């Protein structure tokens, strides 16, 4: 998580939240966005998993775009 805190801003990401998840485990979380690339990411460093192994959970969301009518040919 420390590497993410350092590297995300170096790669054009803005960290919007850097704290703890609102849960009993209080796992560390980072919420960041990249406005230039139209992405957002939610990262959680899970300390306790079912297997007992530490894990990083990553959820990426991107913006949706609609091409102007008649600009795309074929099936997409």
PDB file of N, CA and C in Angstrom:
ATOM      1  N   UNK A   1       0.829  -1.181   0.000  1.00  0.00           N
ATOM      2  CA  UNK A   1       0.000   0.000   0.000  1.00  0.00           C
ATOM      3  C   UNK A   1       0.880   1.253   0.000  1.00  0.00           C
ATOM      4  N   UNK A   2       2.013   1.185   0.688  1.00  0.00           N
ATOM      5  CA  UNK A   2       2.903   2.347   0.691  1.00  0.00           C
ATOM      6  C   UNK A   2       3.436   2.638  -0.701  1.00  0.00           C
ATOM      7  N   UNK A   3       3.759   1.582  -1.461  1.00  0.00           N
ATOM      8  CA  UNK A   3       4.217   1.789  -2.831  1.00  0.00           C
ATOM      9  C   UNK A   3       3.129   2.435  -3.683  1.00  0.00           C
ATOM     10  N   UNK A   4       1.889   2.035  -3.495  1.00  0.00           N
ATOM     11  CA  UNK A   4       0.776   2.633  -4.239  1.00  0.00           C
ATOM     12  C   UNK A   4       0.620   4.106  -3.881  1.00  0.00           C
ATOM     13  N   UNK A   5       0.730   4.427  -2.618  1.00  0.00           N
ATOM     14  CA  UNK A   5       0.617   5.827  -2.191  1.00  0.00           C
ATOM     15  C   UNK A   5       1.662   6.700  -2.879  1.00  0.00           C
ATOM     16  N   UNK A   6       2.833   6.149  -3.083  1.00  0.00           N
ATOM     17  CA  UNK A   6       3.912   6.897  -3.727  1.00  0.00           C
ATOM     18  C   UNK A   6       3.767   6.899  -5.249  1.00  0.00           C
ATOM     19  N   UNK A   7       3.486   5.748  -5.827  1.00  0.00           N
ATOM     20  CA  UNK A   7       3.521   5.603  -7.287  1.00  0.00           C
ATOM     21  C   UNK A   7       2.287   6.121  -8.019  1.00  0.00           C
ATOM     22  N   UNK A   8       1.121   6.035  -7.411  1.00  0.00           N
ATOM     23  CA  UNK A   8      -0.081   6.511  -8.098  1.00  0.00           C
ATOM     24  C   UNK A   8       0.034   7.980  -8.499  1.00  0.00           C
ATOM     25  N   UNK A   9       0.384   8.891  -7.588  1.00  0.00           N
ATOM     26  CA  UNK A   9       0.519  10.295  -7.991  1.00  0.00           C
ATOM     27  C   UNK A   9       1.605  10.516  -9.054  1.00  0.00           C
ATOM     28  N   UNK A  10       2.670   9.744  -9.000  1.00  0.00           N
ATOM     29  CA  UNK A  10       3.735   9.853 -10.005  1.00  0.00           C
ATOM     30  C   UNK A  10       3.249   9.447 -11.390  1.00  0.00           C
ATOM     31  N   UNK A  11       2.167   8.668 -11.433  1.00  0.00           N
ATOM     32  CA  UNK A  11       1.637   8.162 -12.704  1.00  0.00           C
ATOM     33  C   UNK A  11       0.361   8.894 -13.134  1.00  0.00           C
ATOM     34  N   UNK A  12       0.100  10.054 -12.555  1.00  0.00           N
ATOM     35  CA  UNK A  12      -1.031  10.865 -12.981  1.00  0.00           C
ATOM     36  C   UNK A  12      -2.326  10.640 -12.216  1.00  0.00           C
ATOM     37  N   UNK A  13      -2.277   9.879 -11.150  1.00  0.00           N
ATOM     38  CA  UNK A  13      -3.467   9.603 -10.340  1.00  0.00           C
ATOM     39  C   UNK A  13      -3.554  10.585  -9.182  1.00  0.00           C
ATOM     40  N   UNK A  14      -4.786  10.952  -8.824  1.00  0.00           N
ATOM     41  CA  UNK A  14      -5.048  11.786  -7.662  1.00  0.00           C
ATOM     42  C   UNK A  14      -5.681  10.909  -6.588  1.00  0.00           C
ATOM     43  N   UNK A  15      -5.069  10.854  -5.418  1.00  0.00           N
ATOM     44  CA  UNK A  15      -5.622  10.064  -4.320  1.00  0.00           C
ATOM     45  C   UNK A  15      -6.718  10.880  -3.646  1.00  0.00           C
ATOM     46  N   UNK A  16      -7.931  10.342  -3.671  1.00  0.00           N
ATOM     47  CA  UNK A  16      -9.090  11.016  -3.096  1.00  0.00           C
ATOM     48  C   UNK A  16      -9.322  10.603  -1.645  1.00  0.00           C
ATOM     49  N   UNK A  17      -8.969   9.365  -1.327  1.00  0.00           N
ATOM     50  CA  UNK A  17      -9.133   8.864   0.042  1.00  0.00           C
ATOM     51  C   UNK A  17      -7.981   7.924   0.353  1.00  0.00           C
ATOM     52  N   UNK A  18      -7.411   8.082   1.512  1.00  0.00           N
ATOM     53  CA  UNK A  18      -6.334   7.209   1.975  1.00  0.00           C
ATOM     54  C   UNK A  18      -6.571   7.011   3.464  1.00  0.00           C
ATOM     55  N   UNK A  19      -7.158   5.889   3.797  1.00  0.00           N
ATOM     56  CA  UNK A  19      -7.502   5.669   5.195  1.00  0.00           C
ATOM     57  C   UNK A  19      -7.853   4.228   5.471  1.00  0.00           C
ATOM     58  N   UNK A  20      -8.879   4.039   6.261  1.00  0.00           N
ATOM     59  CA  UNK A  20      -9.320   2.701   6.663  1.00  0.00           C
ATOM     60  C   UNK A  20     -10.740   2.459   6.172  1.00  0.00           C
ATOM     61  N   UNK A  21     -11.016   1.211   5.798  1.00  0.00           N
ATOM     62  CA  UNK A  21     -12.357   0.802   5.403  1.00  0.00           C
ATOM     63  C   UNK A  21     -13.262   0.881   6.622  1.00  0.00           C
ATOM     64  N   UNK A  22     -14.489   1.280   6.424  1.00  0.00           N
ATOM     65  CA  UNK A  22     -15.451   1.358   7.523  1.00  0.00           C
ATOM     66  C   UNK A  22     -16.006  -0.039   7.801  1.00  0.00           C
ATOM     67  N   UNK A  23     -15.196  -0.867   8.411  1.00  0.00           N
ATOM     68  CA  UNK A  23     -15.585  -2.233   8.764  1.00  0.00           C
ATOM     69  C   UNK A  23     -14.885  -2.627  10.054  1.00  0.00           C
ATOM     70  N   UNK A  24     -15.220  -3.788  10.567  1.00  0.00           N
ATOM     71  CA  UNK A  24     -14.593  -4.270  11.796  1.00  0.00           C
ATOM     72  C   UNK A  24     -13.093  -4.491  11.605  1.00  0.00           C
ATOM     73  N   UNK A  25     -12.707  -4.962  10.428  1.00  0.00           N
ATOM     74  CA  UNK A  25     -11.292  -5.248  10.160  1.00  0.00           C
ATOM     75  C   UNK A  25     -10.457  -3.979  10.017  1.00  0.00           C
ATOM     76  N   UNK A  26     -11.094  -2.861   9.607  1.00  0.00           N
ATOM     77  CA  UNK A  26     -10.391  -1.582   9.417  1.00  0.00           C
ATOM     78  C   UNK A  26      -9.192  -1.716   8.488  1.00  0.00           C
ATOM     79  N   UNK A  27      -9.384  -2.465   7.388  1.00  0.00           N
ATOM     80  CA  UNK A  27      -8.320  -2.645   6.404  1.00  0.00           C
ATOM     81  C   UNK A  27      -7.971  -1.313   5.743  1.00  0.00           C
ATOM     82  N   UNK A  28      -6.708  -1.126   5.345  1.00  0.00           N
ATOM     83  CA  UNK A  28      -6.334   0.116   4.674  1.00  0.00           C
ATOM     84  C   UNK A  28      -6.944   0.174   3.271  1.00  0.00           C
ATOM     85  N   UNK A  29      -7.323   1.384   2.856  1.00  0.00           N
ATOM     86  CA  UNK A  29      -7.896   1.546   1.525  1.00  0.00           C
ATOM     87  C   UNK A  29      -7.394   2.826   0.881  1.00  0.00           C
ATOM     88  N   UNK A  30      -7.359   2.799  -0.448  1.00  0.00           N
ATOM     89  CA  UNK A  30      -7.008   3.963  -1.247  1.00  0.00           C
ATOM     90  C   UNK A  30      -8.047   4.084  -2.350  1.00  0.00           C
ATOM     91  N   UNK A  31      -8.576   5.291  -2.522  1.00  0.00           N
ATOM     92  CA  UNK A  31      -9.473   5.593  -3.624  1.00  0.00           C
ATOM     93  C   UNK A  31      -8.772   6.665  -4.447  1.00  0.00           C
ATOM     94  N   UNK A  32      -8.588   6.393  -5.738  1.00  0.00           N
ATOM     95  CA  UNK A  32      -7.861   7.333  -6.582  1.00  0.00           C
ATOM     96  C   UNK A  32      -8.537   7.445  -7.941  1.00  0.00           C
ATOM     97  N   UNK A  33      -8.288   8.567  -8.623  1.00  0.00           N
ATOM     98  CA  UNK A  33      -8.823   8.740  -9.972  1.00  0.00           C
ATOM     99  C   UNK A  33      -7.763   9.319 -10.889  1.00  0.00           C
ATOM    100  N   UNK A  34      -7.917   9.015 -12.156  1.00  0.00           N
ATOM    101  CA  UNK A  34      -7.057   9.562 -13.186  1.00  0.00           C
ATOM    102  C   UNK A  34      -7.982  10.245 -14.189  1.00  0.00           C
ATOM    103  N   UNK A  35      -8.140  11.552 -14.061  1.00  0.00           N
ATOM    104  CA  UNK A  35      -9.078  12.288 -14.906  1.00  0.00           C
ATOM    105  C   UNK A  35      -8.658  12.294 -16.366  1.00  0.00           C
ATOM    106  N   UNK A  36      -7.368  12.249 -16.627  1.00  0.00           N
ATOM    107  CA  UNK A  36      -6.885  12.253 -18.016  1.00  0.00           C
ATOM    108  C   UNK A  36      -7.268  10.960 -18.728  1.00  0.00           C
ATOM    109  N   UNK A  37      -7.213   9.840 -18.031  1.00  0.00           N
ATOM    110  CA  UNK A  37      -7.508   8.535 -18.625  1.00  0.00           C
ATOM    111  C   UNK A  37      -8.941   8.061 -18.340  1.00  0.00           C
ATOM    112  N   UNK A  38      -9.705   8.827 -17.545  1.00  0.00           N
ATOM    113  CA  UNK A  38     -11.101   8.506 -17.214  1.00  0.00           C
ATOM    114  C   UNK A  38     -11.255   7.185 -16.455  1.00  0.00           C
ATOM    115  N   UNK A  39     -10.380   6.962 -15.468  1.00  0.00           N
ATOM    116  CA  UNK A  39     -10.450   5.781 -14.632  1.00  0.00           C
ATOM    117  C   UNK A  39     -10.486   6.182 -13.162  1.00  0.00           C
ATOM    118  N   UNK A  40     -11.085   5.309 -12.362  1.00  0.00           N
ATOM    119  CA  UNK A  40     -11.022   5.421 -10.909  1.00  0.00           C
ATOM    120  C   UNK A  40     -10.687   4.030 -10.373  1.00  0.00           C
ATOM    121  N   UNK A  41     -10.021   3.985  -9.232  1.00  0.00           N
ATOM    122  CA  UNK A  41      -9.633   2.703  -8.653  1.00  0.00           C
ATOM    123  C   UNK A  41      -9.856   2.737  -7.143  1.00  0.00           C
ATOM    124  N   UNK A  42     -10.353   1.613  -6.622  1.00  0.00           N
ATOM    125  CA  UNK A  42     -10.546   1.447  -5.178  1.00  0.00           C
ATOM    126  C   UNK A  42      -9.701   0.235  -4.791  1.00  0.00           C
ATOM    127  N   UNK A  43      -8.731   0.448  -3.924  1.00  0.00           N
ATOM    128  CA  UNK A  43      -7.784  -0.597  -3.529  1.00  0.00           C
ATOM    129  C   UNK A  43      -7.913  -0.823  -2.029  1.00  0.00           C
ATOM    130  N   UNK A  44      -8.049  -2.093  -1.635  1.00  0.00           N
ATOM    131  CA  UNK A  44      -8.154  -2.446  -0.220  1.00  0.00           C
ATOM    132  C   UNK A  44      -7.095  -3.498   0.091  1.00  0.00           C
ATOM    133  N   UNK A  45      -6.288  -3.241   1.093  1.00  0.00           N
ATOM    134  CA  UNK A  45      -5.299  -4.208   1.571  1.00  0.00           C
ATOM    135  C   UNK A  45      -5.946  -5.065   2.638  1.00  0.00           C
ATOM    136  N   UNK A  46      -6.444  -6.230   2.244  1.00  0.00           N
ATOM    137  CA  UNK A  46      -7.165  -7.094   3.183  1.00  0.00           C
ATOM    138  C   UNK A  46      -6.179  -7.846   4.078  1.00  0.00           C
ATOM    139  N   UNK A  47      -6.257  -7.577   5.356  1.00  0.00           N
ATOM    140  CA  UNK A  47      -5.345  -8.215   6.307  1.00  0.00           C
ATOM    141  C   UNK A  47      -5.801  -9.620   6.662  1.00  0.00           C
ATOM    142  N   UNK A  48      -7.117  -9.816   6.700  1.00  0.00           N
ATOM    143  CA  UNK A  48      -7.658 -11.129   7.069  1.00  0.00           C
ATOM    144  C   UNK A  48      -8.561 -11.636   5.954  1.00  0.00           C
ATOM    145  N   UNK A  49      -8.165 -12.712   5.314  1.00  0.00           N
ATOM    146  CA  UNK A  49      -8.990 -13.331   4.288  1.00  0.00           C
ATOM    147  C   UNK A  49      -9.411 -14.715   4.765  1.00  0.00           C
ATOM    148  N   UNK A  50     -10.298 -15.351   4.023  1.00  0.00           N
ATOM    149  CA  UNK A  50     -10.762 -16.690   4.403  1.00  0.00           C
ATOM    150  C   UNK A  50      -9.602 -17.683   4.460  1.00  0.00           C
ATOM    151  N   UNK A  51      -8.617 -17.518   3.561  1.00  0.00           N
ATOM    152  CA  UNK A  51      -7.481 -18.438   3.532  1.00  0.00           C
ATOM    153  C   UNK A  51      -6.409 -18.080   4.554  1.00  0.00           C
ATOM    154  N   UNK A  52      -6.522 -16.899   5.139  1.00  0.00           N
ATOM    155  CA  UNK A  52      -5.517 -16.468   6.097  1.00  0.00           C
ATOM    156  C   UNK A  52      -4.348 -15.741   5.455  1.00  0.00           C
ATOM    157  N   UNK A  53      -4.335 -15.682   4.123  1.00  0.00           N
ATOM    158  CA  UNK A  53      -3.262 -15.001   3.399  1.00  0.00           C
ATOM    159  C   UNK A  53      -3.628 -13.536   3.168  1.00  0.00           C
ATOM    160  N   UNK A  54      -2.670 -12.633   3.249  1.00  0.00           N
ATOM    161  CA  UNK A  54      -2.963 -11.232   2.938  1.00  0.00           C
ATOM    162  C   UNK A  54      -3.278 -11.086   1.447  1.00  0.00           C
ATOM    163  N   UNK A  55      -4.135 -10.126   1.112  1.00  0.00           N
ATOM    164  CA  UNK A  55      -4.549  -9.951  -0.272  1.00  0.00           C
ATOM    165  C   UNK A  55      -4.815  -8.475  -0.538  1.00  0.00           C
ATOM    166  N   UNK A  56      -4.608  -8.060  -1.766  1.00  0.00           N
ATOM    167  CA  UNK A  56      -4.982  -6.717  -2.195  1.00  0.00           C
ATOM    168  C   UNK A  56      -6.157  -6.856  -3.135  1.00  0.00           C
ATOM    169  N   UNK A  57      -7.234  -6.182  -2.814  1.00  0.00           N
ATOM    170  CA  UNK A  57      -8.438  -6.176  -3.647  1.00  0.00           C
ATOM    171  C   UNK A  57      -8.444  -4.885  -4.462  1.00  0.00           C
ATOM    172  N   UNK A  58      -8.614  -5.010  -5.787  1.00  0.00           N
ATOM    173  CA  UNK A  58      -8.583  -3.843  -6.673  1.00  0.00           C
ATOM    174  C   UNK A  58      -9.853  -3.814  -7.506  1.00  0.00           C
ATOM    175  N   UNK A  59     -10.538  -2.684  -7.495  1.00  0.00           N
ATOM    176  CA  UNK A  59     -11.729  -2.478  -8.318  1.00  0.00           C
ATOM    177  C   UNK A  59     -11.474  -1.252  -9.190  1.00  0.00           C
ATOM    178  N   UNK A  60     -11.562  -1.444 -10.513  1.00  0.00           N
ATOM    179  CA  UNK A  60     -11.322  -0.364 -11.462  1.00  0.00           C
ATOM    180  C   UNK A  60     -12.634  -0.021 -12.152  1.00  0.00           C
ATOM    181  N   UNK A  61     -12.903   1.265 -12.282  1.00  0.00           N
ATOM    182  CA  UNK A  61     -14.106   1.747 -12.948  1.00  0.00           C
ATOM    183  C   UNK A  61     -13.677   2.720 -14.033  1.00  0.00           C
ATOM    184  N   UNK A  62     -14.316   2.613 -15.205  1.00  0.00           N
ATOM    185  CA  UNK A  62     -13.997   3.543 -16.283  1.00  0.00           C
ATOM    186  C   UNK A  62     -15.255   4.281 -16.716  1.00  0.00           C
ATOM    187  N   UNK A  63     -15.054   5.416 -17.319  1.00  0.00           N
ATOM    188  CA  UNK A  63     -16.170   6.202 -17.841  1.00  0.00           C
ATOM    189  C   UNK A  63     -16.771   5.489 -19.050  1.00  0.00           C
ATOM    190  N   UNK A  64     -18.016   5.776 -19.327  1.00  0.00           N
ATOM    191  CA  UNK A  64     -18.689   5.225 -20.504  1.00  0.00           C
ATOM    192  C   UNK A  64     -18.816   6.321 -21.546  1.00  0.00           C
ATOM    193  N   UNK A  65     -18.609   5.942 -22.788  1.00  0.00           N
ATOM    194  CA  UNK A  65     -18.704   6.896 -23.884  1.00  0.00           C
ATOM    195  C   UNK A  65     -19.656   6.362 -24.932  1.00  0.00           C
ATOM    196  N   UNK A  66     -20.326   7.252 -25.617  1.00  0.00           N
ATOM    197  CA  UNK A  66     -21.215   6.872 -26.712  1.00  0.00           C
ATOM    198  C   UNK A  66     -20.727   7.574 -27.966  1.00  0.00           C
ATOM    199  N   UNK A  67     -20.458   6.780 -28.992  1.00  0.00           N
ATOM    200  CA  UNK A  67     -20.016   7.353 -30.267  1.00  0.00           C
ATOM    201  C   UNK A  67     -21.202   8.016 -30.956  1.00  0.00           C
ATOM    202  N   UNK A  68     -20.961   9.131 -31.630  1.00  0.00           N
ATOM    203  CA  UNK A  68     -22.044   9.770 -32.369  1.00  0.00           C
ATOM    204  C   UNK A  68     -22.622   8.827 -33.418  1.00  0.00           C
ATOM    205  N   UNK A  69     -23.922   8.907 -33.615  1.00  0.00           N
ATOM    206  CA  UNK A  69     -24.629   8.033 -34.557  1.00  0.00           C
ATOM    207  C   UNK A  69     -23.975   8.110 -35.937  1.00  0.00           C
ATOM    208  N   UNK A  70     -23.736   6.924 -36.505  1.00  0.00           N
ATOM    209  CA  UNK A  70     -23.170   6.842 -37.845  1.00  0.00           C
ATOM    210  C   UNK A  70     -21.657   6.853 -37.917  1.00  0.00           C
ATOM    211  N   UNK A  71     -20.974   6.950 -36.777  1.00  0.00           N
ATOM    212  CA  UNK A  71     -19.506   7.013 -36.811  1.00  0.00           C
ATOM    213  C   UNK A  71     -18.850   5.648 -36.709  1.00  0.00           C
ATOM    214  N   UNK A  72     -19.572   4.638 -36.230  1.00  0.00           N
ATOM    215  CA  UNK A  72     -19.015   3.289 -36.115  1.00  0.00           C
ATOM    216  C   UNK A  72     -19.627   2.392 -37.178  1.00  0.00           C
ATOM    217  N   UNK A  73     -18.779   1.579 -37.779  1.00  0.00           N
ATOM    218  CA  UNK A  73     -19.246   0.629 -38.773  1.00  0.00           C
ATOM    219  C   UNK A  73     -18.993  -0.766 -38.242  1.00  0.00           C
ATOM    220  N   UNK A  74     -19.925  -1.663 -38.423  1.00  0.00           N
ATOM    221  CA  UNK A  74     -19.751  -3.025 -37.934  1.00  0.00           C
ATOM    222  C   UNK A  74     -20.323  -3.152 -36.535  1.00  0.00           C
ATOM    223  N   UNK A  75     -19.951  -4.226 -35.890  1.00  0.00           N
ATOM    224  CA  UNK A  75     -20.486  -4.546 -34.569  1.00  0.00           C
ATOM    225  C   UNK A  75     -19.404  -4.361 -33.527  1.00  0.00           C
ATOM    226  N   UNK A  76     -19.707  -3.657 -32.455  1.00  0.00           N
ATOM    227  CA  UNK A  76     -18.738  -3.391 -31.388  1.00  0.00           C
ATOM    228  C   UNK A  76     -19.332  -3.719 -30.061  1.00  0.00           C
TER     229      UNK A  76
END
